[in-house]
N, C-alpha and C. Protein backbone atom coordinates (compact mmCIF):
# COMPACT_ATOMS: atom_id res chain seq x y z
N MET A 1 25.70 1.57 -17.83
CA MET A 1 26.06 1.96 -16.50
C MET A 1 26.42 0.71 -15.72
N THR A 2 27.62 0.66 -15.18
CA THR A 2 28.06 -0.47 -14.37
C THR A 2 27.91 -0.09 -12.91
N ASN A 3 27.05 -0.80 -12.20
CA ASN A 3 26.80 -0.42 -10.82
C ASN A 3 27.13 -1.51 -9.83
N ASN A 4 27.76 -2.56 -10.25
CA ASN A 4 28.22 -3.57 -9.32
C ASN A 4 29.60 -3.13 -8.85
N ILE A 5 29.85 -3.23 -7.59
CA ILE A 5 31.10 -2.75 -7.02
C ILE A 5 32.31 -3.36 -7.70
N ASN A 6 32.19 -4.56 -8.19
CA ASN A 6 33.33 -5.19 -8.86
C ASN A 6 33.68 -4.51 -10.17
N GLY A 7 32.78 -3.71 -10.71
CA GLY A 7 33.04 -2.98 -11.95
C GLY A 7 32.64 -1.53 -11.78
N PHE A 8 33.44 -0.77 -11.03
CA PHE A 8 33.10 0.63 -10.76
C PHE A 8 32.89 1.39 -12.05
N SER A 9 31.87 2.22 -12.06
CA SER A 9 31.67 3.11 -13.20
C SER A 9 32.33 4.44 -12.87
N SER A 10 32.53 5.23 -13.87
CA SER A 10 33.11 6.55 -13.64
C SER A 10 32.05 7.60 -13.94
N ALA A 11 30.83 7.35 -13.49
CA ALA A 11 29.72 8.25 -13.73
C ALA A 11 29.94 9.57 -13.02
N ALA A 12 29.30 10.61 -13.55
CA ALA A 12 29.33 11.91 -12.90
C ALA A 12 28.62 11.80 -11.56
N SER A 13 28.75 12.83 -10.74
CA SER A 13 28.15 12.79 -9.42
C SER A 13 26.64 12.60 -9.49
N SER A 14 26.11 11.94 -8.49
CA SER A 14 24.68 11.68 -8.40
C SER A 14 24.16 12.29 -7.11
N ALA A 15 22.91 12.69 -7.13
CA ALA A 15 22.32 13.22 -5.92
C ALA A 15 22.16 12.12 -4.88
N PHE A 16 21.80 10.90 -5.32
CA PHE A 16 21.53 9.81 -4.40
C PHE A 16 22.39 8.59 -4.74
N VAL A 17 22.97 8.00 -3.71
CA VAL A 17 23.69 6.75 -3.86
C VAL A 17 23.07 5.76 -2.88
N VAL A 18 22.68 4.60 -3.40
CA VAL A 18 22.17 3.52 -2.56
C VAL A 18 23.16 2.37 -2.65
N ILE A 19 23.56 1.86 -1.49
CA ILE A 19 24.47 0.72 -1.43
C ILE A 19 23.76 -0.40 -0.68
N GLY A 20 23.46 -1.47 -1.41
CA GLY A 20 22.87 -2.65 -0.80
C GLY A 20 23.97 -3.67 -0.59
N TYR A 21 24.07 -4.20 0.61
CA TYR A 21 25.16 -5.13 0.87
C TYR A 21 24.70 -6.37 1.63
N GLY A 22 25.48 -7.43 1.46
CA GLY A 22 25.21 -8.71 2.08
C GLY A 22 25.62 -9.82 1.12
N ASN A 23 25.57 -11.04 1.60
CA ASN A 23 25.96 -12.19 0.80
C ASN A 23 24.76 -12.71 0.02
N PRO A 24 24.78 -12.60 -1.31
CA PRO A 24 23.62 -13.01 -2.11
C PRO A 24 23.37 -14.52 -2.11
N GLU A 25 24.31 -15.29 -1.58
CA GLU A 25 24.15 -16.75 -1.52
C GLU A 25 23.52 -17.23 -0.21
N LYS A 26 23.30 -16.30 0.72
CA LYS A 26 22.83 -16.70 2.06
C LYS A 26 21.41 -16.21 2.33
N GLY A 27 20.46 -16.71 1.57
CA GLY A 27 19.05 -16.44 1.83
C GLY A 27 18.75 -14.96 1.94
N ASP A 28 18.20 -14.56 3.09
CA ASP A 28 17.75 -13.18 3.29
C ASP A 28 18.89 -12.17 3.27
N ASP A 29 20.13 -12.61 3.39
CA ASP A 29 21.26 -11.68 3.33
C ASP A 29 21.36 -11.04 1.94
N ALA A 30 20.60 -11.55 0.98
CA ALA A 30 20.57 -10.99 -0.38
C ALA A 30 19.61 -9.81 -0.51
N ILE A 31 19.01 -9.37 0.58
CA ILE A 31 18.05 -8.27 0.53
C ILE A 31 18.65 -7.03 -0.13
N GLY A 32 19.83 -6.62 0.28
CA GLY A 32 20.45 -5.42 -0.29
C GLY A 32 20.60 -5.52 -1.79
N HIS A 33 20.97 -6.70 -2.28
CA HIS A 33 21.12 -6.92 -3.72
C HIS A 33 19.77 -6.84 -4.42
N ALA A 34 18.73 -7.40 -3.81
CA ALA A 34 17.40 -7.38 -4.40
C ALA A 34 16.88 -5.94 -4.52
N VAL A 35 17.11 -5.14 -3.50
CA VAL A 35 16.70 -3.73 -3.54
C VAL A 35 17.45 -3.00 -4.65
N VAL A 36 18.75 -3.19 -4.73
CA VAL A 36 19.56 -2.53 -5.75
C VAL A 36 19.12 -2.96 -7.16
N ASP A 37 18.85 -4.24 -7.35
CA ASP A 37 18.39 -4.70 -8.67
C ASP A 37 17.14 -3.94 -9.11
N GLN A 38 16.21 -3.76 -8.21
CA GLN A 38 14.97 -3.06 -8.56
C GLN A 38 15.22 -1.57 -8.78
N LEU A 39 16.10 -0.98 -8.00
CA LEU A 39 16.43 0.43 -8.20
C LEU A 39 17.13 0.65 -9.54
N GLN A 40 18.04 -0.25 -9.89
CA GLN A 40 18.72 -0.13 -11.18
C GLN A 40 17.72 -0.25 -12.33
N ALA A 41 16.74 -1.11 -12.19
CA ALA A 41 15.74 -1.29 -13.24
C ALA A 41 14.88 -0.03 -13.42
N SER A 42 14.76 0.77 -12.37
CA SER A 42 13.95 1.99 -12.45
C SER A 42 14.62 3.08 -13.29
N LYS A 43 15.93 2.98 -13.45
CA LYS A 43 16.71 3.93 -14.26
C LYS A 43 16.44 5.39 -13.87
N THR A 44 16.39 5.65 -12.59
CA THR A 44 16.21 7.01 -12.08
C THR A 44 17.48 7.82 -12.34
N PRO A 45 17.36 8.95 -13.06
CA PRO A 45 18.56 9.69 -13.47
C PRO A 45 19.44 10.21 -12.33
N THR A 46 18.88 10.54 -11.20
CA THR A 46 19.67 11.12 -10.10
C THR A 46 20.12 10.08 -9.09
N LEU A 47 19.99 8.80 -9.45
CA LEU A 47 20.28 7.72 -8.52
C LEU A 47 21.32 6.76 -9.08
N GLU A 48 22.32 6.46 -8.26
CA GLU A 48 23.27 5.40 -8.55
C GLU A 48 23.08 4.35 -7.47
N ALA A 49 22.92 3.10 -7.86
CA ALA A 49 22.71 2.02 -6.90
C ALA A 49 23.78 0.95 -7.11
N TYR A 50 24.38 0.52 -6.01
CA TYR A 50 25.48 -0.44 -6.05
C TYR A 50 25.19 -1.60 -5.11
N SER A 51 25.57 -2.79 -5.53
CA SER A 51 25.47 -3.94 -4.63
C SER A 51 26.86 -4.51 -4.41
N THR A 52 27.06 -5.00 -3.20
CA THR A 52 28.34 -5.56 -2.81
C THR A 52 28.14 -6.50 -1.64
N GLU A 53 29.06 -7.42 -1.45
CA GLU A 53 28.96 -8.30 -0.30
C GLU A 53 29.36 -7.58 0.98
N TYR A 54 30.36 -6.73 0.88
CA TYR A 54 30.93 -6.07 2.05
C TYR A 54 31.09 -4.58 1.79
N LEU A 55 30.99 -3.80 2.84
CA LEU A 55 31.33 -2.38 2.74
C LEU A 55 32.84 -2.27 2.82
N THR A 56 33.43 -1.66 1.81
CA THR A 56 34.88 -1.54 1.74
C THR A 56 35.27 -0.08 1.53
N PRO A 57 36.50 0.28 1.86
CA PRO A 57 36.96 1.66 1.70
C PRO A 57 36.81 2.20 0.27
N GLU A 58 36.84 1.33 -0.73
CA GLU A 58 36.72 1.78 -2.12
C GLU A 58 35.39 2.48 -2.39
N LEU A 59 34.39 2.19 -1.59
CA LEU A 59 33.07 2.81 -1.76
C LEU A 59 33.08 4.30 -1.44
N SER A 60 34.10 4.75 -0.72
CA SER A 60 34.15 6.17 -0.34
C SER A 60 34.16 7.09 -1.56
N SER A 61 34.75 6.65 -2.67
CA SER A 61 34.75 7.50 -3.88
C SER A 61 33.34 7.69 -4.41
N LYS A 62 32.49 6.68 -4.27
CA LYS A 62 31.08 6.79 -4.69
C LYS A 62 30.31 7.70 -3.74
N LEU A 63 30.56 7.56 -2.46
CA LEU A 63 29.87 8.39 -1.47
C LEU A 63 30.25 9.86 -1.62
N ALA A 64 31.50 10.12 -1.99
CA ALA A 64 31.97 11.49 -2.14
C ALA A 64 31.22 12.23 -3.25
N GLN A 65 30.65 11.50 -4.19
CA GLN A 65 29.93 12.10 -5.31
C GLN A 65 28.46 12.36 -5.00
N ALA A 66 28.00 11.94 -3.83
CA ALA A 66 26.57 11.98 -3.51
C ALA A 66 26.20 13.10 -2.56
N THR A 67 24.95 13.51 -2.67
CA THR A 67 24.36 14.43 -1.70
C THR A 67 23.73 13.63 -0.57
N VAL A 68 23.13 12.49 -0.94
CA VAL A 68 22.46 11.61 0.02
C VAL A 68 22.92 10.18 -0.23
N ALA A 69 23.23 9.45 0.84
CA ALA A 69 23.59 8.04 0.74
C ALA A 69 22.62 7.22 1.58
N ILE A 70 22.24 6.08 1.03
CA ILE A 70 21.35 5.16 1.74
C ILE A 70 21.99 3.78 1.70
N PHE A 71 22.19 3.21 2.87
CA PHE A 71 22.75 1.87 3.00
C PHE A 71 21.59 0.92 3.28
N VAL A 72 21.57 -0.23 2.61
CA VAL A 72 20.50 -1.22 2.78
C VAL A 72 21.11 -2.55 3.17
N ASP A 73 20.62 -3.11 4.29
CA ASP A 73 21.17 -4.38 4.77
C ASP A 73 20.07 -5.20 5.43
N ALA A 74 20.22 -6.51 5.36
CA ALA A 74 19.34 -7.44 6.05
C ALA A 74 19.75 -7.48 7.52
N CYS A 75 18.76 -7.43 8.41
CA CYS A 75 19.05 -7.44 9.84
C CYS A 75 18.03 -8.30 10.58
N LYS A 76 18.52 -9.03 11.56
CA LYS A 76 17.61 -9.73 12.46
C LYS A 76 17.11 -8.70 13.46
N LEU A 77 15.87 -8.27 13.27
CA LEU A 77 15.30 -7.23 14.12
C LEU A 77 14.39 -7.87 15.15
N LYS A 78 14.54 -7.46 16.39
CA LYS A 78 13.71 -8.02 17.46
C LYS A 78 12.37 -7.30 17.52
N ASN A 79 11.32 -8.07 17.66
CA ASN A 79 9.98 -7.54 17.91
C ASN A 79 9.42 -6.65 16.82
N THR A 80 9.88 -6.83 15.59
CA THR A 80 9.31 -6.05 14.50
C THR A 80 9.51 -6.76 13.17
N ASP A 81 8.58 -6.55 12.28
CA ASP A 81 8.72 -7.03 10.91
C ASP A 81 8.66 -5.85 9.95
N THR A 82 9.03 -4.68 10.47
CA THR A 82 8.99 -3.44 9.71
C THR A 82 10.40 -2.90 9.49
N VAL A 83 10.63 -2.37 8.31
CA VAL A 83 11.90 -1.74 7.99
C VAL A 83 12.19 -0.63 9.00
N GLN A 84 13.42 -0.56 9.45
CA GLN A 84 13.87 0.48 10.38
C GLN A 84 14.83 1.42 9.64
N VAL A 85 14.71 2.71 9.91
CA VAL A 85 15.56 3.71 9.27
C VAL A 85 16.31 4.47 10.36
N LYS A 86 17.62 4.54 10.21
CA LYS A 86 18.46 5.26 11.17
C LYS A 86 19.28 6.31 10.43
N ARG A 87 19.29 7.51 10.95
CA ARG A 87 20.15 8.56 10.42
C ARG A 87 21.57 8.21 10.83
N LEU A 88 22.51 8.34 9.92
CA LEU A 88 23.91 8.00 10.19
C LEU A 88 24.77 9.26 10.21
N GLU A 89 25.74 9.23 11.06
CA GLU A 89 26.75 10.28 11.14
C GLU A 89 28.12 9.62 11.02
N PRO A 90 29.08 10.32 10.43
CA PRO A 90 30.43 9.77 10.38
C PRO A 90 30.96 9.56 11.80
N CYS A 91 31.62 8.45 12.03
CA CYS A 91 32.20 8.22 13.34
C CYS A 91 33.50 7.44 13.17
N GLY A 92 34.45 7.77 13.97
CA GLY A 92 35.75 7.12 13.88
C GLY A 92 36.57 7.72 12.76
N THR A 93 37.81 7.30 12.70
CA THR A 93 38.70 7.80 11.66
C THR A 93 39.26 6.67 10.81
N GLU A 94 38.93 5.45 11.17
CA GLU A 94 39.44 4.29 10.44
C GLU A 94 38.28 3.42 10.01
N THR A 95 38.57 2.47 9.15
CA THR A 95 37.56 1.50 8.73
C THR A 95 38.04 0.12 9.14
N PRO A 96 37.88 -0.22 10.43
CA PRO A 96 38.41 -1.49 10.92
C PRO A 96 37.68 -2.68 10.34
N GLY A 97 38.37 -3.79 10.22
CA GLY A 97 37.73 -5.03 9.81
C GLY A 97 36.82 -5.52 10.91
N SER A 98 35.86 -6.32 10.54
CA SER A 98 34.94 -6.86 11.52
C SER A 98 35.68 -7.78 12.49
N THR A 99 35.28 -7.72 13.74
CA THR A 99 35.91 -8.58 14.73
C THR A 99 35.01 -9.73 15.12
N LEU A 100 33.81 -9.79 14.55
CA LEU A 100 32.88 -10.86 14.89
C LEU A 100 32.97 -11.98 13.87
N PRO A 101 33.24 -13.19 14.30
CA PRO A 101 33.32 -14.31 13.36
C PRO A 101 31.99 -14.48 12.64
N GLY A 102 32.07 -14.70 11.34
CA GLY A 102 30.86 -14.93 10.56
C GLY A 102 30.21 -13.67 10.04
N PHE A 103 30.68 -12.51 10.48
CA PHE A 103 30.13 -11.25 9.99
C PHE A 103 31.22 -10.59 9.16
N GLY A 104 31.04 -10.59 7.83
CA GLY A 104 32.12 -10.19 6.96
C GLY A 104 32.11 -8.77 6.48
N HIS A 105 31.16 -7.93 6.91
CA HIS A 105 31.19 -6.55 6.44
C HIS A 105 32.46 -5.91 6.97
N SER A 106 33.32 -5.49 6.06
CA SER A 106 34.64 -5.09 6.49
C SER A 106 34.71 -3.70 7.10
N CYS A 107 33.69 -2.90 6.97
CA CYS A 107 33.62 -1.65 7.71
C CYS A 107 32.16 -1.27 7.86
N SER A 108 31.88 -0.45 8.83
CA SER A 108 30.50 -0.05 9.10
C SER A 108 30.13 1.15 8.23
N PRO A 109 28.85 1.40 8.03
CA PRO A 109 28.45 2.60 7.28
C PRO A 109 29.03 3.88 7.89
N CYS A 110 29.02 3.98 9.22
CA CYS A 110 29.52 5.21 9.88
C CYS A 110 31.01 5.41 9.66
N SER A 111 31.80 4.33 9.75
CA SER A 111 33.23 4.48 9.53
C SER A 111 33.54 4.76 8.06
N LEU A 112 32.73 4.23 7.16
CA LEU A 112 32.89 4.52 5.73
C LEU A 112 32.58 5.99 5.45
N LEU A 113 31.57 6.53 6.11
CA LEU A 113 31.27 7.96 5.98
C LEU A 113 32.41 8.81 6.53
N ALA A 114 32.99 8.38 7.65
CA ALA A 114 34.12 9.11 8.24
C ALA A 114 35.32 9.10 7.29
N LEU A 115 35.57 7.97 6.68
CA LEU A 115 36.66 7.88 5.70
C LEU A 115 36.40 8.82 4.53
N THR A 116 35.16 8.83 4.05
CA THR A 116 34.80 9.71 2.93
C THR A 116 35.05 11.17 3.29
N GLN A 117 34.63 11.57 4.49
CA GLN A 117 34.85 12.94 4.95
C GLN A 117 36.34 13.24 5.04
N SER A 118 37.09 12.32 5.57
CA SER A 118 38.52 12.52 5.75
C SER A 118 39.26 12.64 4.42
N VAL A 119 38.94 11.76 3.48
CA VAL A 119 39.68 11.72 2.22
C VAL A 119 39.20 12.78 1.24
N TYR A 120 37.88 12.98 1.15
CA TYR A 120 37.32 13.85 0.11
C TYR A 120 36.82 15.19 0.63
N GLY A 121 36.81 15.38 1.95
CA GLY A 121 36.35 16.64 2.51
C GLY A 121 34.86 16.84 2.37
N HIS A 122 34.14 15.78 2.05
CA HIS A 122 32.68 15.85 1.90
C HIS A 122 32.09 14.53 2.35
N CYS A 123 30.98 14.63 3.04
CA CYS A 123 30.27 13.43 3.46
C CYS A 123 28.78 13.67 3.21
N PRO A 124 28.12 12.78 2.49
CA PRO A 124 26.70 12.99 2.22
C PRO A 124 25.85 12.77 3.47
N LYS A 125 24.65 13.33 3.46
CA LYS A 125 23.66 12.94 4.46
C LYS A 125 23.44 11.45 4.25
N ALA A 126 23.23 10.72 5.32
CA ALA A 126 23.14 9.26 5.14
C ALA A 126 22.10 8.64 6.07
N TRP A 127 21.51 7.56 5.55
CA TRP A 127 20.56 6.75 6.31
C TRP A 127 20.90 5.28 6.13
N TRP A 128 20.54 4.52 7.14
CA TRP A 128 20.70 3.07 7.11
C TRP A 128 19.31 2.47 7.14
N VAL A 129 18.97 1.74 6.09
CA VAL A 129 17.69 1.06 6.00
C VAL A 129 17.93 -0.39 6.38
N GLU A 130 17.44 -0.76 7.57
CA GLU A 130 17.58 -2.12 8.08
C GLU A 130 16.32 -2.88 7.73
N VAL A 131 16.48 -3.95 6.97
CA VAL A 131 15.34 -4.71 6.48
C VAL A 131 15.24 -6.01 7.29
N PRO A 132 14.04 -6.30 7.82
CA PRO A 132 13.88 -7.51 8.63
C PRO A 132 14.20 -8.78 7.84
N ALA A 133 14.91 -9.67 8.49
CA ALA A 133 15.32 -10.93 7.86
C ALA A 133 15.37 -12.02 8.91
N ASN A 134 15.19 -13.28 8.49
CA ASN A 134 15.25 -14.36 9.47
C ASN A 134 15.91 -15.63 8.96
N ASP A 135 16.18 -15.74 7.65
CA ASP A 135 16.74 -16.98 7.13
C ASP A 135 18.02 -16.67 6.35
N PHE A 136 19.15 -17.00 6.94
CA PHE A 136 20.45 -16.73 6.33
C PHE A 136 21.13 -18.03 5.88
N THR A 137 20.32 -19.01 5.51
CA THR A 137 20.83 -20.31 5.10
C THR A 137 21.39 -20.25 3.68
N VAL A 138 22.58 -20.79 3.51
CA VAL A 138 23.22 -20.83 2.19
C VAL A 138 22.30 -21.55 1.20
N GLY A 139 22.11 -20.94 0.05
CA GLY A 139 21.32 -21.54 -1.01
C GLY A 139 19.83 -21.29 -0.95
N HIS A 140 19.34 -20.72 0.13
CA HIS A 140 17.91 -20.45 0.24
C HIS A 140 17.54 -19.15 -0.48
N PRO A 141 16.33 -19.08 -1.03
CA PRO A 141 15.86 -17.83 -1.61
C PRO A 141 15.42 -16.87 -0.49
N LEU A 142 15.01 -15.67 -0.86
CA LEU A 142 14.48 -14.73 0.13
C LEU A 142 13.24 -15.32 0.78
N SER A 143 13.12 -15.16 2.08
CA SER A 143 11.93 -15.60 2.80
C SER A 143 10.77 -14.64 2.50
N ASP A 144 9.57 -15.03 2.91
CA ASP A 144 8.41 -14.14 2.74
C ASP A 144 8.63 -12.83 3.50
N LEU A 145 9.21 -12.92 4.70
CA LEU A 145 9.51 -11.73 5.48
C LEU A 145 10.45 -10.81 4.71
N ALA A 146 11.48 -11.39 4.10
CA ALA A 146 12.45 -10.61 3.34
C ALA A 146 11.81 -9.97 2.10
N GLU A 147 10.98 -10.73 1.41
CA GLU A 147 10.29 -10.19 0.22
C GLU A 147 9.44 -8.98 0.60
N GLN A 148 8.71 -9.08 1.71
CA GLN A 148 7.92 -7.95 2.20
C GLN A 148 8.84 -6.78 2.57
N GLY A 149 9.97 -7.11 3.17
CA GLY A 149 10.93 -6.08 3.55
C GLY A 149 11.53 -5.35 2.36
N VAL A 150 11.78 -6.07 1.27
CA VAL A 150 12.30 -5.44 0.05
C VAL A 150 11.30 -4.40 -0.44
N ALA A 151 10.03 -4.76 -0.48
CA ALA A 151 8.99 -3.81 -0.92
C ALA A 151 8.93 -2.60 0.01
N GLN A 152 9.00 -2.84 1.33
CA GLN A 152 9.01 -1.74 2.29
C GLN A 152 10.25 -0.86 2.11
N ALA A 153 11.39 -1.49 1.89
CA ALA A 153 12.64 -0.74 1.72
C ALA A 153 12.55 0.16 0.50
N LEU A 154 12.00 -0.33 -0.59
CA LEU A 154 11.87 0.49 -1.80
C LEU A 154 10.95 1.69 -1.55
N GLN A 155 9.87 1.49 -0.81
CA GLN A 155 8.99 2.60 -0.46
C GLN A 155 9.71 3.60 0.44
N THR A 156 10.46 3.08 1.39
CA THR A 156 11.22 3.93 2.31
C THR A 156 12.25 4.75 1.56
N ILE A 157 12.97 4.13 0.65
CA ILE A 157 13.99 4.85 -0.14
C ILE A 157 13.32 5.93 -0.99
N SER A 158 12.20 5.61 -1.58
CA SER A 158 11.46 6.61 -2.37
C SER A 158 11.07 7.80 -1.50
N SER A 159 10.61 7.53 -0.29
CA SER A 159 10.23 8.61 0.63
C SER A 159 11.44 9.45 1.03
N LEU A 160 12.56 8.78 1.33
CA LEU A 160 13.78 9.50 1.68
C LEU A 160 14.24 10.39 0.53
N MET A 161 14.17 9.87 -0.67
CA MET A 161 14.59 10.65 -1.83
C MET A 161 13.66 11.84 -2.05
N SER A 162 12.36 11.64 -1.88
CA SER A 162 11.39 12.74 -2.06
C SER A 162 11.61 13.83 -1.03
N SER A 163 11.86 13.43 0.22
CA SER A 163 12.03 14.44 1.27
C SER A 163 13.37 15.17 1.16
N ALA A 164 14.35 14.54 0.54
CA ALA A 164 15.67 15.16 0.41
C ALA A 164 15.79 16.00 -0.86
N ALA A 165 14.87 15.82 -1.79
CA ALA A 165 14.95 16.53 -3.08
C ALA A 165 14.64 17.99 -2.95
């Protein structure tokens, strides 16, 4: 099973799709990749997990095959060291490039869901798992905060999958 976005698999539809994104070379920004690595190791039959640096329109084909989608990203969260979960709805009709310098995610989870709905006529239920992060330095490993967040994110994803099953 090829689950890295650079090598799309042609797997049959899955109940759950998890997309972890961020730059794996920038410290805590690798959180999404770390979560996906652990999910892939679990070999859960109803789960497809993908890692990528950026959310791109090509991901819509993966989302179209899912009943539930979970996006995982490192975030600088104010006043908390706990994973935050937000229900997502499709919004907008386009997937605009980022306008903020230094932020390379080429489209937002909501606009990617809107694209999926528009192109495939189906959009999965979706959540955004924001994992606390504080060190985005090139070449640094995950911080202690990020390591704790990865564990919390995995528990959160398990809970989301159990409640949606």
